[in-house]
Amino acid sequence: MDTRTILIVEDDAAIVELLSIHLKDLGCQVVAERNGPGGLARAQGTSFDLVILDVMLPGLSGLEVCRKIRQNDRRTPILMLTARSEEIDKVVGLETGADDYLTKPFSIRELIARVRAIFRRSEEAARYAERPAPLVQIGGLEIDIDKRRVVLNGERLDLSPREFELLALLASNPGKSYTRKQLLSQVWGYDFEGYEHTVNTHINRLRGKIEADASSPVFVLTTWGVGYRFNEDL
């Protein structure tokens, strides 16, 4: 396996040092920037396997850095760091294209588990890209899994990486109900109790983009007491 390269954009030197030590123990190369403009320039000028991005940064907020990265790069995973008091930033961060977030203070064990899960997903996506890509077409919705493109009634939709993967999984298995824990495991690649709300947030965001009325969904349905499924009757 090639060496993974991680960009850390964080203004707290102690956190940067701690993350660097443990990520290097995983065999990763680490590059660090201490402010928003520097982090954005580095992310746009170099290819990384992961960007770890703090929400509160000098010069340019992490949310704005994330948004600008996603304008031209939909694939590089972004893990955001946010304080527990910044609940709104978690939601906005996911909305602007972050793949996941951790709240401070966080355990190193959890951080490493998240990083490993991200790398597993990247490897699986690379292997999947080598096979002929299926094209899912259901009820005016067209999903090209190879090109990671979603078109609804002739209009291309702008989905985040996790929104796309949720939709591709559900639409490829219409009628099959997935629990939140199953979706957390298959799409995010980790299994931490208490993070099912991450699935709910992404499902709500996805519905807002593909449904004519998100409060009365047609494509992604709720299986009460279980989780979610894709409508098999379209």
C-alpha atoms as a PDB file:
ATOM      1  CA  MET A   1       0.000   0.000   0.000  1.00  0.00           C
ATOM      2  CA  ASP A   2       1.269   3.471  -0.846  1.00  0.00           C
ATOM      3  CA  THR A   3       1.939   5.828   2.037  1.00  0.00           C
ATOM      4  CA  ARG A   4      -1.120   7.882   2.913  1.00  0.00           C
ATOM      5  CA  THR A   5      -0.722  11.644   3.168  1.00  0.00           C
ATOM      6  CA  ILE A   6      -2.891  13.620   5.559  1.00  0.00           C
ATOM      7  CA  LEU A   7      -3.347  17.375   5.769  1.00  0.00           C
ATOM      8  CA  ILE A   8      -4.137  18.745   9.236  1.00  0.00           C
ATOM      9  CA  VAL A   9      -5.514  22.293   9.320  1.00  0.00           C
ATOM     10  CA  GLU A  10      -5.589  23.233  12.997  1.00  0.00           C
ATOM     11  CA  ASP A  11      -4.305  26.279  14.892  1.00  0.00           C
ATOM     12  CA  ASP A  12      -3.786  24.488  18.211  1.00  0.00           C
ATOM     13  CA  ALA A  13      -0.153  23.345  18.195  1.00  0.00           C
ATOM     14  CA  ALA A  14      -0.744  20.735  20.929  1.00  0.00           C
ATOM     15  CA  ILE A  15      -3.519  19.066  18.915  1.00  0.00           C
ATOM     16  CA  VAL A  16      -1.408  19.120  15.754  1.00  0.00           C
ATOM     17  CA  GLU A  17       1.484  17.459  17.592  1.00  0.00           C
ATOM     18  CA  LEU A  18      -0.764  14.809  19.160  1.00  0.00           C
ATOM     19  CA  LEU A  19      -2.463  13.958  15.871  1.00  0.00           C
ATOM     20  CA  SER A  20       0.838  13.910  14.003  1.00  0.00           C
ATOM     21  CA  ILE A  21       2.395  11.428  16.423  1.00  0.00           C
ATOM     22  CA  HIS A  22      -0.457   8.936  16.199  1.00  0.00           C
ATOM     23  CA  LEU A  23      -1.048   9.314  12.451  1.00  0.00           C
ATOM     24  CA  LYS A  24       2.647   8.767  11.785  1.00  0.00           C
ATOM     25  CA  ASP A  25       2.377   5.600  13.883  1.00  0.00           C
ATOM     26  CA  LEU A  26      -0.151   4.444  11.255  1.00  0.00           C
ATOM     27  CA  GLY A  27       2.519   4.959   8.612  1.00  0.00           C
ATOM     28  CA  CYS A  28       1.008   8.200   7.303  1.00  0.00           C
ATOM     29  CA  GLN A  29       2.827  11.318   6.182  1.00  0.00           C
ATOM     30  CA  VAL A  30       1.461  14.425   7.853  1.00  0.00           C
ATOM     31  CA  VAL A  31       1.399  17.999   6.579  1.00  0.00           C
ATOM     32  CA  ALA A  32       0.089  20.746   8.873  1.00  0.00           C
ATOM     33  CA  GLU A  33      -1.228  24.259   8.322  1.00  0.00           C
ATOM     34  CA  ARG A  34      -2.180  26.608  11.141  1.00  0.00           C
ATOM     35  CA  ASN A  35      -4.715  28.910   9.452  1.00  0.00           C
ATOM     36  CA  GLY A  36      -7.569  28.805   6.970  1.00  0.00           C
ATOM     37  CA  PRO A  37      -5.951  30.463   3.944  1.00  0.00           C
ATOM     38  CA  GLY A  38      -2.822  28.331   4.288  1.00  0.00           C
ATOM     39  CA  GLY A  39      -4.883  25.160   4.632  1.00  0.00           C
ATOM     40  CA  LEU A  40      -6.998  25.991   1.603  1.00  0.00           C
ATOM     41  CA  ALA A  41      -3.971  26.778  -0.564  1.00  0.00           C
ATOM     42  CA  ARG A  42      -2.290  23.544   0.483  1.00  0.00           C
ATOM     43  CA  ALA A  43      -5.434  21.460  -0.116  1.00  0.00           C
ATOM     44  CA  GLN A  44      -5.964  22.956  -3.557  1.00  0.00           C
ATOM     45  CA  GLY A  45      -2.328  22.634  -4.579  1.00  0.00           C
ATOM     46  CA  THR A  46      -1.590  19.079  -3.422  1.00  0.00           C
ATOM     47  CA  SER A  47      -3.410  15.761  -3.489  1.00  0.00           C
ATOM     48  CA  PHE A  48      -4.167  14.298  -0.050  1.00  0.00           C
ATOM     49  CA  ASP A  49      -5.758  11.065   1.132  1.00  0.00           C
ATOM     50  CA  LEU A  50      -7.508  12.895   3.981  1.00  0.00           C
ATOM     51  CA  VAL A  51      -7.983  16.440   5.248  1.00  0.00           C
ATOM     52  CA  ILE A  52      -8.537  16.928   8.990  1.00  0.00           C
ATOM     53  CA  LEU A  53     -10.038  20.384   9.313  1.00  0.00           C
ATOM     54  CA  ASP A  54     -10.829  22.418  12.419  1.00  0.00           C
ATOM     55  CA  VAL A  55     -13.953  24.569  12.290  1.00  0.00           C
ATOM     56  CA  MET A  56     -12.447  27.570  14.078  1.00  0.00           C
ATOM     57  CA  LEU A  57      -9.401  28.831  12.174  1.00  0.00           C
ATOM     58  CA  PRO A  58      -7.646  32.196  11.801  1.00  0.00           C
ATOM     59  CA  GLY A  59      -8.166  34.008   8.526  1.00  0.00           C
ATOM     60  CA  LEU A  60     -10.816  31.730   7.049  1.00  0.00           C
ATOM     61  CA  SER A  61     -13.195  29.402   8.891  1.00  0.00           C
ATOM     62  CA  GLY A  62     -12.983  25.661   8.454  1.00  0.00           C
ATOM     63  CA  LEU A  63     -16.520  25.674   7.067  1.00  0.00           C
ATOM     64  CA  GLU A  64     -15.507  28.095   4.323  1.00  0.00           C
ATOM     65  CA  VAL A  65     -12.338  26.113   3.602  1.00  0.00           C
ATOM     66  CA  CYS A  66     -14.439  22.966   3.274  1.00  0.00           C
ATOM     67  CA  ARG A  67     -16.907  24.699   0.976  1.00  0.00           C
ATOM     68  CA  LYS A  68     -14.149  25.994  -1.291  1.00  0.00           C
ATOM     69  CA  ILE A  69     -12.404  22.609  -1.450  1.00  0.00           C
ATOM     70  CA  ARG A  70     -15.661  20.973  -2.485  1.00  0.00           C
ATOM     71  CA  GLN A  71     -16.171  23.368  -5.371  1.00  0.00           C
ATOM     72  CA  ASN A  72     -13.598  21.433  -7.389  1.00  0.00           C
ATOM     73  CA  ASP A  73     -12.910  18.307  -5.338  1.00  0.00           C
ATOM     74  CA  ARG A  74     -15.742  15.966  -4.394  1.00  0.00           C
ATOM     75  CA  ARG A  75     -13.615  12.946  -3.546  1.00  0.00           C
ATOM     76  CA  THR A  76     -10.952  13.858  -0.967  1.00  0.00           C
ATOM     77  CA  PRO A  77     -12.343  12.859   2.448  1.00  0.00           C
ATOM     78  CA  ILE A  78     -12.729  15.697   4.953  1.00  0.00           C
ATOM     79  CA  LEU A  79     -12.977  15.067   8.692  1.00  0.00           C
ATOM     80  CA  MET A  80     -13.972  18.165  10.645  1.00  0.00           C
ATOM     81  CA  LEU A  81     -13.128  18.932  14.271  1.00  0.00           C
ATOM     82  CA  THR A  82     -15.574  21.011  16.274  1.00  0.00           C
ATOM     83  CA  ALA A  83     -16.198  21.957  19.912  1.00  0.00           C
ATOM     84  CA  ARG A  84     -19.171  20.375  21.680  1.00  0.00           C
ATOM     85  CA  SER A  85     -20.837  23.784  21.977  1.00  0.00           C
ATOM     86  CA  GLU A  86     -20.840  24.218  18.189  1.00  0.00           C
ATOM     87  CA  GLU A  87     -23.674  21.827  17.303  1.00  0.00           C
ATOM     88  CA  ILE A  88     -24.774  24.060  14.432  1.00  0.00           C
ATOM     89  CA  ASP A  89     -21.293  23.786  12.916  1.00  0.00           C
ATOM     90  CA  LYS A  90     -21.650  20.011  12.734  1.00  0.00           C
ATOM     91  CA  VAL A  91     -24.768  20.315  10.612  1.00  0.00           C
ATOM     92  CA  VAL A  92     -23.377  23.123   8.470  1.00  0.00           C
ATOM     93  CA  GLY A  93     -20.107  21.233   8.083  1.00  0.00           C
ATOM     94  CA  LEU A  94     -21.921  18.204   6.698  1.00  0.00           C
ATOM     95  CA  GLU A  95     -23.964  20.501   4.489  1.00  0.00           C
ATOM     96  CA  THR A  96     -20.839  22.081   3.004  1.00  0.00           C
ATOM     97  CA  GLY A  97     -19.374  18.703   2.093  1.00  0.00           C
ATOM     98  CA  ALA A  98     -17.552  17.284   5.102  1.00  0.00           C
ATOM     99  CA  ASP A  99     -17.643  13.504   5.289  1.00  0.00           C
ATOM    100  CA  ASP A 100     -17.703  13.323   9.056  1.00  0.00           C
ATOM    101  CA  TYR A 101     -16.859  15.219  12.231  1.00  0.00           C
ATOM    102  CA  LEU A 102     -15.407  14.681  15.667  1.00  0.00           C
ATOM    103  CA  THR A 103     -16.202  16.800  18.693  1.00  0.00           C
ATOM    104  CA  LYS A 104     -13.487  18.084  20.996  1.00  0.00           C
ATOM    105  CA  PRO A 105     -12.274  16.663  23.249  1.00  0.00           C
ATOM    106  CA  PHE A 106     -12.082  13.370  21.367  1.00  0.00           C
ATOM    107  CA  SER A 107     -10.284  10.131  22.134  1.00  0.00           C
ATOM    108  CA  ILE A 108      -7.305   9.146  20.031  1.00  0.00           C
ATOM    109  CA  ARG A 109      -8.821   5.663  19.760  1.00  0.00           C
ATOM    110  CA  GLU A 110     -11.909   7.078  18.103  1.00  0.00           C
ATOM    111  CA  LEU A 111      -9.918   9.353  15.802  1.00  0.00           C
ATOM    112  CA  ILE A 112      -7.746   6.463  14.605  1.00  0.00           C
ATOM    113  CA  ALA A 113     -10.843   4.314  14.063  1.00  0.00           C
ATOM    114  CA  ARG A 114     -12.385   7.041  11.923  1.00  0.00           C
ATOM    115  CA  VAL A 115      -9.200   7.492   9.891  1.00  0.00           C
ATOM    116  CA  ARG A 116      -8.886   3.749   9.299  1.00  0.00           C
ATOM    117  CA  ALA A 117     -12.531   3.594   8.232  1.00  0.00           C
ATOM    118  CA  ILE A 118     -11.991   6.411   5.749  1.00  0.00           C
ATOM    119  CA  PHE A 119      -9.009   4.614   4.255  1.00  0.00           C
ATOM    120  CA  ARG A 120     -10.987   1.348   4.002  1.00  0.00           C
ATOM    121  CA  ARG A 121     -13.744   3.144   2.109  1.00  0.00           C
ATOM    122  CA  SER A 122     -11.181   4.692  -0.240  1.00  0.00           C
ATOM    123  CA  GLU A 123      -9.672   1.284  -0.986  1.00  0.00           C
ATOM    124  CA  GLU A 124     -13.083  -0.258  -1.585  1.00  0.00           C
ATOM    125  CA  ALA A 125     -14.064   2.616  -3.884  1.00  0.00           C
ATOM    126  CA  ALA A 126     -10.850   2.183  -5.869  1.00  0.00           C
ATOM    127  CA  ARG A 127     -11.481  -1.548  -6.276  1.00  0.00           C
ATOM    128  CA  TYR A 128     -15.079  -0.913  -7.243  1.00  0.00           C
ATOM    129  CA  ALA A 129     -14.011   1.618  -9.882  1.00  0.00           C
ATOM    130  CA  GLU A 130     -12.064  -1.132 -11.636  1.00  0.00           C
ATOM    131  CA  ARG A 131     -15.266  -3.109 -12.343  1.00  0.00           C
ATOM    132  CA  PRO A 132     -17.925  -2.217 -14.927  1.00  0.00           C
ATOM    133  CA  ALA A 133     -20.116   0.390 -13.323  1.00  0.00           C
ATOM    134  CA  PRO A 134     -23.813  -0.261 -12.938  1.00  0.00           C
ATOM    135  CA  LEU A 135     -26.294   2.405 -13.925  1.00  0.00           C
ATOM    136  CA  VAL A 136     -29.347   2.563 -11.677  1.00  0.00           C
ATOM    137  CA  GLN A 137     -32.439   4.137 -13.235  1.00  0.00           C
ATOM    138  CA  ILE A 138     -35.576   4.393 -11.125  1.00  0.00           C
ATOM    139  CA  GLY A 139     -38.512   6.790 -11.356  1.00  0.00           C
ATOM    140  CA  GLY A 140     -36.700   9.612 -13.155  1.00  0.00           C
ATOM    141  CA  LEU A 141     -33.603   9.124 -10.996  1.00  0.00           C
ATOM    142  CA  GLU A 142     -30.391   8.037 -12.741  1.00  0.00           C
ATOM    143  CA  ILE A 143     -27.357   7.000 -10.688  1.00  0.00           C
ATOM    144  CA  ASP A 144     -24.042   6.371 -12.460  1.00  0.00           C
ATOM    145  CA  ILE A 145     -21.960   4.720  -9.757  1.00  0.00           C
ATOM    146  CA  ASP A 146     -18.702   4.806 -11.736  1.00  0.00           C
ATOM    147  CA  LYS A 147     -18.901   8.519 -12.469  1.00  0.00           C
ATOM    148  CA  ARG A 148     -20.563   9.218  -9.108  1.00  0.00           C
ATOM    149  CA  ARG A 149     -23.188  11.202 -10.959  1.00  0.00           C
ATOM    150  CA  VAL A 150     -26.840  11.552 -10.058  1.00  0.00           C
ATOM    151  CA  VAL A 151     -29.410  13.008 -12.443  1.00  0.00           C
ATOM    152  CA  LEU A 152     -33.044  13.642 -11.520  1.00  0.00           C
ATOM    153  CA  ASN A 153     -35.486  14.403 -14.333  1.00  0.00           C
ATOM    154  CA  GLY A 154     -32.608  15.529 -16.563  1.00  0.00           C
ATOM    155  CA  GLU A 155     -30.982  17.771 -13.938  1.00  0.00           C
ATOM    156  CA  ARG A 156     -27.682  16.804 -12.318  1.00  0.00           C
ATOM    157  CA  LEU A 157     -27.691  16.873  -8.534  1.00  0.00           C
ATOM    158  CA  ASP A 158     -24.822  17.997  -6.326  1.00  0.00           C
ATOM    159  CA  LEU A 159     -24.443  15.381  -3.582  1.00  0.00           C
ATOM    160  CA  SER A 160     -21.754  15.080  -0.939  1.00  0.00           C
ATOM    161  CA  PRO A 161     -19.698  11.850  -0.972  1.00  0.00           C
ATOM    162  CA  ARG A 162     -21.686  10.273   1.879  1.00  0.00           C
ATOM    163  CA  GLU A 163     -25.027  11.376   0.420  1.00  0.00           C
ATOM    164  CA  PHE A 164     -24.064   9.709  -2.845  1.00  0.00           C
ATOM    165  CA  GLU A 165     -22.952   6.494  -1.154  1.00  0.00           C
ATOM    166  CA  LEU A 166     -26.152   6.302   0.890  1.00  0.00           C
ATOM    167  CA  LEU A 167     -28.268   6.793  -2.218  1.00  0.00           C
ATOM    168  CA  ALA A 168     -26.247   4.307  -4.290  1.00  0.00           C
ATOM    169  CA  LEU A 169     -26.504   1.630  -1.596  1.00  0.00           C
ATOM    170  CA  LEU A 170     -30.234   2.077  -1.017  1.00  0.00           C
ATOM    171  CA  ALA A 171     -31.161   2.417  -4.712  1.00  0.00           C
ATOM    172  CA  SER A 172     -29.090  -0.637  -5.643  1.00  0.00           C
ATOM    173  CA  ASN A 173     -31.164  -2.670  -3.184  1.00  0.00           C
ATOM    174  CA  PRO A 174     -34.751  -1.362  -3.511  1.00  0.00           C
ATOM    175  CA  GLY A 175     -37.101  -2.605  -0.840  1.00  0.00           C
ATOM    176  CA  LYS A 176     -34.337  -3.715   1.518  1.00  0.00           C
ATOM    177  CA  SER A 177     -34.504  -2.012   4.893  1.00  0.00           C
ATOM    178  CA  TYR A 178     -31.246  -0.975   6.529  1.00  0.00           C
ATOM    179  CA  THR A 179     -30.879  -0.091  10.172  1.00  0.00           C
ATOM    180  CA  ARG A 180     -28.989   3.071  11.023  1.00  0.00           C
ATOM    181  CA  LYS A 181     -26.242   0.933  12.485  1.00  0.00           C
ATOM    182  CA  GLN A 182     -25.948  -1.038   9.221  1.00  0.00           C
ATOM    183  CA  LEU A 183     -25.747   2.182   7.198  1.00  0.00           C
ATOM    184  CA  LEU A 184     -23.173   3.587   9.603  1.00  0.00           C
ATOM    185  CA  SER A 185     -21.076   0.459   9.124  1.00  0.00           C
ATOM    186  CA  GLN A 186     -21.456   0.097   5.343  1.00  0.00           C
ATOM    187  CA  VAL A 187     -21.251   3.752   4.298  1.00  0.00           C
ATOM    188  CA  TRP A 188     -19.041   5.281   6.994  1.00  0.00           C
ATOM    189  CA  GLY A 189     -17.099   2.107   7.720  1.00  0.00           C
ATOM    190  CA  TYR A 190     -17.184   2.301  11.522  1.00  0.00           C
ATOM    191  CA  ASP A 191     -19.391   1.031  14.295  1.00  0.00           C
ATOM    192  CA  PHE A 192     -19.660   3.409  17.217  1.00  0.00           C
ATOM    193  CA  GLU A 193     -22.791   3.344  19.344  1.00  0.00           C
ATOM    194  CA  GLY A 194     -24.473   6.720  19.614  1.00  0.00           C
ATOM    195  CA  TYR A 195     -23.540   8.036  16.169  1.00  0.00           C
ATOM    196  CA  GLU A 196     -26.740   6.956  14.401  1.00  0.00           C
ATOM    197  CA  HIS A 197     -27.738  10.637  14.317  1.00  0.00           C
ATOM    198  CA  THR A 198     -25.052  11.082  11.649  1.00  0.00           C
ATOM    199  CA  VAL A 199     -27.124   8.796   9.401  1.00  0.00           C
ATOM    200  CA  ASN A 200     -30.299  10.753  10.130  1.00  0.00           C
ATOM    201  CA  THR A 201     -28.623  14.040   9.254  1.00  0.00           C
ATOM    202  CA  HIS A 202     -27.375  12.712   5.907  1.00  0.00           C
ATOM    203  CA  ILE A 203     -30.719  11.092   5.048  1.00  0.00           C
ATOM    204  CA  ASN A 204     -32.461  14.410   5.700  1.00  0.00           C
ATOM    205  CA  ARG A 205     -29.938  16.237   3.522  1.00  0.00           C
ATOM    206  CA  LEU A 206     -30.320  13.634   0.779  1.00  0.00           C
ATOM    207  CA  ARG A 207     -34.100  13.860   0.852  1.00  0.00           C
ATOM    208  CA  GLY A 208     -33.860  17.622   0.587  1.00  0.00           C
ATOM    209  CA  LYS A 209     -32.035  17.194  -2.715  1.00  0.00           C
ATOM    210  CA  ILE A 210     -33.891  14.308  -4.389  1.00  0.00           C
ATOM    211  CA  GLU A 211     -37.439  14.614  -3.089  1.00  0.00           C
ATOM    212  CA  ALA A 212     -40.045  17.059  -4.373  1.00  0.00           C
ATOM    213  CA  ASP A 213     -41.319  17.220  -0.792  1.00  0.00           C
ATOM    214  CA  ALA A 214     -38.830  16.026   1.813  1.00  0.00           C
ATOM    215  CA  SER A 215     -41.610  15.717   4.401  1.00  0.00           C
ATOM    216  CA  SER A 216     -43.389  13.214   2.148  1.00  0.00           C
ATOM    217  CA  PRO A 217     -40.575  11.256   0.472  1.00  0.00           C
ATOM    218  CA  VAL A 218     -41.054   9.102  -2.601  1.00  0.00           C
ATOM    219  CA  PHE A 219     -37.573   7.655  -3.093  1.00  0.00           C
ATOM    220  CA  VAL A 220     -36.007   7.134   0.344  1.00  0.00           C
ATOM    221  CA  LEU A 221     -38.607   5.811   2.755  1.00  0.00           C
ATOM    222  CA  THR A 222     -38.554   5.284   6.499  1.00  0.00           C
ATOM    223  CA  THR A 223     -39.110   1.755   7.743  1.00  0.00           C
ATOM    224  CA  TRP A 224     -40.556   2.513  11.148  1.00  0.00           C
ATOM    225  CA  GLY A 225     -38.749   0.840  13.997  1.00  0.00           C
ATOM    226  CA  VAL A 226     -35.940  -0.250  11.675  1.00  0.00           C
ATOM    227  CA  GLY A 227     -34.333   2.440   9.532  1.00  0.00           C
ATOM    228  CA  TYR A 228     -34.517   3.330   5.846  1.00  0.00           C
ATOM    229  CA  ARG A 229     -35.203   1.707   2.471  1.00  0.00           C
ATOM    230  CA  PHE A 230     -35.480   2.716  -1.181  1.00  0.00           C
ATOM    231  CA  ASN A 231     -38.980   2.566  -2.638  1.00  0.00           C
ATOM    232  CA  GLU A 232     -39.305  -0.678  -4.616  1.00  0.00           C
ATOM    233  CA  ASP A 233     -42.610   0.331  -6.244  1.00  0.00           C
ATOM    234  CA  LEU A 234     -41.334   3.081  -8.532  1.00  0.00           C
END
